[in-house]
Amino acid sequence: MTQDEKYMKEAIKQAKKASAIGDVPIGCVIVFGDKIIARGYNQRNKRKTTLAHAELLAIQKASKKLGDWRLEECTMYITLEPCQMCAGAIVQARIPKVVIGAMNPKAGCAGSVLNILQVDSFNHQVDVERGVLKEECSRMMSEFFKNLRKKKKEEKNDQN
């Protein structure tokens, strides 16, 4: 198992926590000096806020741990390609490298819809590694939404 796979497995554990509370299964870990310093999982539904994305929660924890908003020597591992908000936060935090599990062709901003992480005009660009444990990350998302659709269909049928 590679170093990237090892840490992506930890991000997947976080994603499973999100799924367990009914949130979209997105997980994230931030590594500094070969040690996980922050973990986050999607909690938008639980916290009832747009801002409770896995990446943002992990960035907050890592910044607190390091005592700085700059995370210049960290690597972020995310199970799903970040949205525009999270990609912007990653650039602002000066994270040098991001490792992504599954891409998000409908809303991803690390190469799918946009690539905010590597805009030449910005004062910081991020190295991006894509597709680490892609199948496992993709399957987790597919199963979550399949189960959600099934649940909604059952609720609709119960109302009729």
C-alpha atoms as a PDB file:
ATOM      1  CA  MET A   1       0.000   0.000   0.000  1.00  0.00           C
ATOM      2  CA  THR A   2       1.348   3.408  -0.968  1.00  0.00           C
ATOM      3  CA  GLN A   3       1.468   6.404   1.369  1.00  0.00           C
ATOM      4  CA  ASP A   4      -1.322   8.053  -0.644  1.00  0.00           C
ATOM      5  CA  GLU A   5      -3.509   4.943  -0.351  1.00  0.00           C
ATOM      6  CA  LYS A   6      -2.861   4.759   3.395  1.00  0.00           C
ATOM      7  CA  TYR A   7      -4.100   8.306   3.964  1.00  0.00           C
ATOM      8  CA  MET A   8      -6.964   7.990   1.479  1.00  0.00           C
ATOM      9  CA  LYS A   9      -8.185   5.000   3.521  1.00  0.00           C
ATOM     10  CA  GLU A  10      -8.314   7.362   6.504  1.00  0.00           C
ATOM     11  CA  ALA A  11     -10.316   9.883   4.456  1.00  0.00           C
ATOM     12  CA  ILE A  12     -12.697   7.063   3.483  1.00  0.00           C
ATOM     13  CA  LYS A  13     -13.245   6.322   7.192  1.00  0.00           C
ATOM     14  CA  GLN A  14     -14.285   9.958   7.605  1.00  0.00           C
ATOM     15  CA  ALA A  15     -16.632   9.721   4.617  1.00  0.00           C
ATOM     16  CA  LYS A  16     -18.333   6.732   6.210  1.00  0.00           C
ATOM     17  CA  LYS A  17     -19.025   8.870   9.296  1.00  0.00           C
ATOM     18  CA  ALA A  18     -20.834  11.359   7.062  1.00  0.00           C
ATOM     19  CA  SER A  19     -22.891   8.599   5.495  1.00  0.00           C
ATOM     20  CA  ALA A  20     -23.814   7.240   8.924  1.00  0.00           C
ATOM     21  CA  ILE A  21     -25.432  10.577   9.851  1.00  0.00           C
ATOM     22  CA  GLY A  22     -27.224  10.905   6.505  1.00  0.00           C
ATOM     23  CA  ASP A  23     -24.794  13.319   4.883  1.00  0.00           C
ATOM     24  CA  VAL A  24     -23.108  12.841   1.523  1.00  0.00           C
ATOM     25  CA  PRO A  25     -20.082  10.585   2.178  1.00  0.00           C
ATOM     26  CA  ILE A  26     -17.163  12.928   1.694  1.00  0.00           C
ATOM     27  CA  GLY A  27     -14.146  12.627   3.949  1.00  0.00           C
ATOM     28  CA  CYS A  28     -10.872  14.447   4.291  1.00  0.00           C
ATOM     29  CA  VAL A  29      -7.631  14.233   6.231  1.00  0.00           C
ATOM     30  CA  ILE A  30      -4.736  16.678   6.352  1.00  0.00           C
ATOM     31  CA  VAL A  31      -1.225  15.346   6.834  1.00  0.00           C
ATOM     32  CA  PHE A  32       1.767  17.268   8.180  1.00  0.00           C
ATOM     33  CA  GLY A  33       5.140  15.601   8.615  1.00  0.00           C
ATOM     34  CA  ASP A  34       3.753  12.122   7.923  1.00  0.00           C
ATOM     35  CA  LYS A  35       1.113  12.530  10.646  1.00  0.00           C
ATOM     36  CA  ILE A  36      -2.614  13.212  10.351  1.00  0.00           C
ATOM     37  CA  ILE A  37      -3.237  16.539  12.073  1.00  0.00           C
ATOM     38  CA  ALA A  38      -6.865  17.057  11.053  1.00  0.00           C
ATOM     39  CA  ARG A  39      -9.870  15.051   9.946  1.00  0.00           C
ATOM     40  CA  GLY A  40     -13.192  16.170   8.547  1.00  0.00           C
ATOM     41  CA  TYR A  41     -16.357  14.744   7.105  1.00  0.00           C
ATOM     42  CA  ASN A  42     -19.339  16.300   5.422  1.00  0.00           C
ATOM     43  CA  GLN A  43     -21.870  17.634   7.951  1.00  0.00           C
ATOM     44  CA  ARG A  44     -24.016  20.044   5.936  1.00  0.00           C
ATOM     45  CA  ASN A  45     -27.310  18.360   6.815  1.00  0.00           C
ATOM     46  CA  LYS A  46     -26.393  17.733  10.437  1.00  0.00           C
ATOM     47  CA  ARG A  47     -25.208  21.296  11.077  1.00  0.00           C
ATOM     48  CA  LYS A  48     -27.698  22.880   8.655  1.00  0.00           C
ATOM     49  CA  THR A  49     -25.029  25.019   7.010  1.00  0.00           C
ATOM     50  CA  THR A  50     -23.485  25.197   3.580  1.00  0.00           C
ATOM     51  CA  LEU A  51     -20.071  25.664   5.183  1.00  0.00           C
ATOM     52  CA  ALA A  52     -19.811  22.254   6.866  1.00  0.00           C
ATOM     53  CA  HIS A  53     -17.891  20.577   4.036  1.00  0.00           C
ATOM     54  CA  ALA A  54     -15.258  17.995   4.972  1.00  0.00           C
ATOM     55  CA  GLU A  55     -12.413  20.097   3.575  1.00  0.00           C
ATOM     56  CA  LEU A  56     -13.399  23.290   5.382  1.00  0.00           C
ATOM     57  CA  LEU A  57     -13.804  21.511   8.709  1.00  0.00           C
ATOM     58  CA  ALA A  58     -10.405  19.842   8.284  1.00  0.00           C
ATOM     59  CA  ILE A  59      -8.729  23.128   7.282  1.00  0.00           C
ATOM     60  CA  GLN A  60     -10.104  24.785  10.439  1.00  0.00           C
ATOM     61  CA  LYS A  61      -8.764  21.978  12.625  1.00  0.00           C
ATOM     62  CA  ALA A  62      -5.359  21.921  10.914  1.00  0.00           C
ATOM     63  CA  SER A  63      -4.989  25.700  11.211  1.00  0.00           C
ATOM     64  CA  LYS A  64      -5.825  25.530  14.902  1.00  0.00           C
ATOM     65  CA  LYS A  65      -3.375  22.647  15.418  1.00  0.00           C
ATOM     66  CA  LEU A  66      -0.534  24.450  13.635  1.00  0.00           C
ATOM     67  CA  GLY A  67      -1.445  27.908  14.927  1.00  0.00           C
ATOM     68  CA  ASP A  68      -1.435  29.395  11.423  1.00  0.00           C
ATOM     69  CA  TRP A  69      -3.856  29.831   8.541  1.00  0.00           C
ATOM     70  CA  ARG A  70      -1.072  28.855   6.152  1.00  0.00           C
ATOM     71  CA  LEU A  71      -0.871  25.092   5.706  1.00  0.00           C
ATOM     72  CA  GLU A  72       2.179  25.282   3.471  1.00  0.00           C
ATOM     73  CA  GLU A  73       3.726  21.943   4.407  1.00  0.00           C
ATOM     74  CA  CYS A  74       0.543  19.874   4.449  1.00  0.00           C
ATOM     75  CA  THR A  75      -1.083  17.420   2.089  1.00  0.00           C
ATOM     76  CA  MET A  76      -4.865  17.075   1.905  1.00  0.00           C
ATOM     77  CA  TYR A  77      -6.565  13.777   1.044  1.00  0.00           C
ATOM     78  CA  ILE A  78     -10.181  14.043  -0.137  1.00  0.00           C
ATOM     79  CA  THR A  79     -12.515  11.246  -1.215  1.00  0.00           C
ATOM     80  CA  LEU A  80     -14.289  13.488  -3.759  1.00  0.00           C
ATOM     81  CA  GLU A  81     -13.019  16.310  -5.953  1.00  0.00           C
ATOM     82  CA  PRO A  82     -13.614  19.609  -4.134  1.00  0.00           C
ATOM     83  CA  CYS A  83     -16.333  22.108  -5.038  1.00  0.00           C
ATOM     84  CA  GLN A  84     -15.537  25.734  -5.917  1.00  0.00           C
ATOM     85  CA  MET A  85     -15.820  26.867  -2.272  1.00  0.00           C
ATOM     86  CA  CYS A  86     -13.475  24.198  -0.959  1.00  0.00           C
ATOM     87  CA  ALA A  87     -11.037  24.544  -3.856  1.00  0.00           C
ATOM     88  CA  GLY A  88     -10.843  28.278  -3.112  1.00  0.00           C
ATOM     89  CA  ALA A  89     -10.204  27.573   0.573  1.00  0.00           C
ATOM     90  CA  ILE A  90      -7.451  25.101  -0.331  1.00  0.00           C
ATOM     91  CA  VAL A  91      -5.722  27.758  -2.446  1.00  0.00           C
ATOM     92  CA  GLN A  92      -6.186  30.381   0.286  1.00  0.00           C
ATOM     93  CA  ALA A  93      -4.722  28.007   2.904  1.00  0.00           C
ATOM     94  CA  ARG A  94      -1.664  27.542   0.657  1.00  0.00           C
ATOM     95  CA  ILE A  95      -1.932  23.761   0.777  1.00  0.00           C
ATOM     96  CA  PRO A  96       0.747  22.546  -1.651  1.00  0.00           C
ATOM     97  CA  LYS A  97      -0.696  19.148  -2.552  1.00  0.00           C
ATOM     98  CA  VAL A  98      -4.151  17.593  -2.753  1.00  0.00           C
ATOM     99  CA  VAL A  99      -4.830  13.901  -3.352  1.00  0.00           C
ATOM    100  CA  ILE A 100      -8.314  13.119  -4.697  1.00  0.00           C
ATOM    101  CA  GLY A 101     -10.168   9.811  -4.758  1.00  0.00           C
ATOM    102  CA  ALA A 102     -13.109  10.241  -7.143  1.00  0.00           C
ATOM    103  CA  MET A 103     -13.685  13.074  -9.564  1.00  0.00           C
ATOM    104  CA  ASN A 104     -16.976  14.995  -9.613  1.00  0.00           C
ATOM    105  CA  PRO A 105     -17.948  15.698 -13.245  1.00  0.00           C
ATOM    106  CA  LYS A 106     -20.988  17.795 -12.263  1.00  0.00           C
ATOM    107  CA  ALA A 107     -19.453  20.118  -9.673  1.00  0.00           C
ATOM    108  CA  GLY A 108     -15.729  19.431  -9.276  1.00  0.00           C
ATOM    109  CA  CYS A 109     -13.272  22.305  -9.314  1.00  0.00           C
ATOM    110  CA  ALA A 110      -9.965  20.460  -9.476  1.00  0.00           C
ATOM    111  CA  GLY A 111     -10.194  19.620 -13.161  1.00  0.00           C
ATOM    112  CA  SER A 112     -13.758  18.500 -13.950  1.00  0.00           C
ATOM    113  CA  VAL A 113     -15.875  21.662 -14.343  1.00  0.00           C
ATOM    114  CA  LEU A 114     -13.119  24.121 -13.419  1.00  0.00           C
ATOM    115  CA  ASN A 115      -9.604  23.824 -12.062  1.00  0.00           C
ATOM    116  CA  ILE A 116      -9.389  26.444  -9.341  1.00  0.00           C
ATOM    117  CA  LEU A 117      -6.436  24.630  -7.754  1.00  0.00           C
ATOM    118  CA  GLN A 118      -4.166  25.338 -10.717  1.00  0.00           C
ATOM    119  CA  VAL A 119      -5.060  28.804 -12.014  1.00  0.00           C
ATOM    120  CA  ASP A 120      -1.800  30.380 -13.207  1.00  0.00           C
ATOM    121  CA  SER A 121      -2.989  33.895 -12.317  1.00  0.00           C
ATOM    122  CA  PHE A 122      -3.355  33.032  -8.618  1.00  0.00           C
ATOM    123  CA  ASN A 123      -0.401  33.496  -6.283  1.00  0.00           C
ATOM    124  CA  HIS A 124      -0.602  29.814  -5.285  1.00  0.00           C
ATOM    125  CA  GLN A 125      -1.113  26.659  -7.334  1.00  0.00           C
ATOM    126  CA  VAL A 126      -1.679  23.189  -5.920  1.00  0.00           C
ATOM    127  CA  ASP A 127      -0.132  19.924  -7.064  1.00  0.00           C
ATOM    128  CA  VAL A 128      -2.992  17.479  -7.642  1.00  0.00           C
ATOM    129  CA  GLU A 129      -2.961  13.699  -7.634  1.00  0.00           C
ATOM    130  CA  ARG A 130      -6.213  12.207  -8.928  1.00  0.00           C
ATOM    131  CA  GLY A 131      -7.742   8.735  -8.786  1.00  0.00           C
ATOM    132  CA  VAL A 132      -6.251   7.316  -5.583  1.00  0.00           C
ATOM    133  CA  LEU A 133      -8.605   4.500  -4.513  1.00  0.00           C
ATOM    134  CA  LYS A 134     -10.992   5.865  -7.127  1.00  0.00           C
ATOM    135  CA  GLU A 135     -13.199   2.765  -7.310  1.00  0.00           C
ATOM    136  CA  GLU A 136     -13.794   2.616  -3.570  1.00  0.00           C
ATOM    137  CA  CYS A 137     -14.517   6.344  -3.340  1.00  0.00           C
ATOM    138  CA  SER A 138     -16.837   6.268  -6.366  1.00  0.00           C
ATOM    139  CA  ARG A 139     -18.679   3.187  -5.140  1.00  0.00           C
ATOM    140  CA  MET A 140     -19.324   4.830  -1.779  1.00  0.00           C
ATOM    141  CA  MET A 141     -20.926   7.846  -3.491  1.00  0.00           C
ATOM    142  CA  SER A 142     -22.972   5.701  -5.898  1.00  0.00           C
ATOM    143  CA  GLU A 143     -24.307   3.496  -3.120  1.00  0.00           C
ATOM    144  CA  PHE A 144     -25.226   6.498  -0.977  1.00  0.00           C
ATOM    145  CA  PHE A 145     -27.278   8.134  -3.731  1.00  0.00           C
ATOM    146  CA  LYS A 146     -28.819   4.828  -4.813  1.00  0.00           C
ATOM    147  CA  ASN A 147     -30.004   4.249  -1.236  1.00  0.00           C
ATOM    148  CA  LEU A 148     -31.226   7.847  -0.975  1.00  0.00           C
ATOM    149  CA  ARG A 149     -33.309   7.501  -4.153  1.00  0.00           C
ATOM    150  CA  LYS A 150     -34.720   4.202  -2.887  1.00  0.00           C
ATOM    151  CA  LYS A 151     -35.631   5.771   0.451  1.00  0.00           C
ATOM    152  CA  LYS A 152     -37.345   8.737  -1.224  1.00  0.00           C
ATOM    153  CA  LYS A 153     -39.293   6.397  -3.505  1.00  0.00           C
ATOM    154  CA  GLU A 154     -40.432   4.331  -0.512  1.00  0.00           C
ATOM    155  CA  GLU A 155     -41.514   7.483   1.352  1.00  0.00           C
ATOM    156  CA  LYS A 156     -43.449   8.640  -1.692  1.00  0.00           C
ATOM    157  CA  ASN A 157     -45.157   5.240  -1.971  1.00  0.00           C
ATOM    158  CA  ASP A 158     -46.021   5.324   1.746  1.00  0.00           C
ATOM    159  CA  GLN A 159     -47.745   8.680   1.262  1.00  0.00           C
ATOM    160  CA  ASN A 160     -49.956   7.315  -1.536  1.00  0.00           C
END
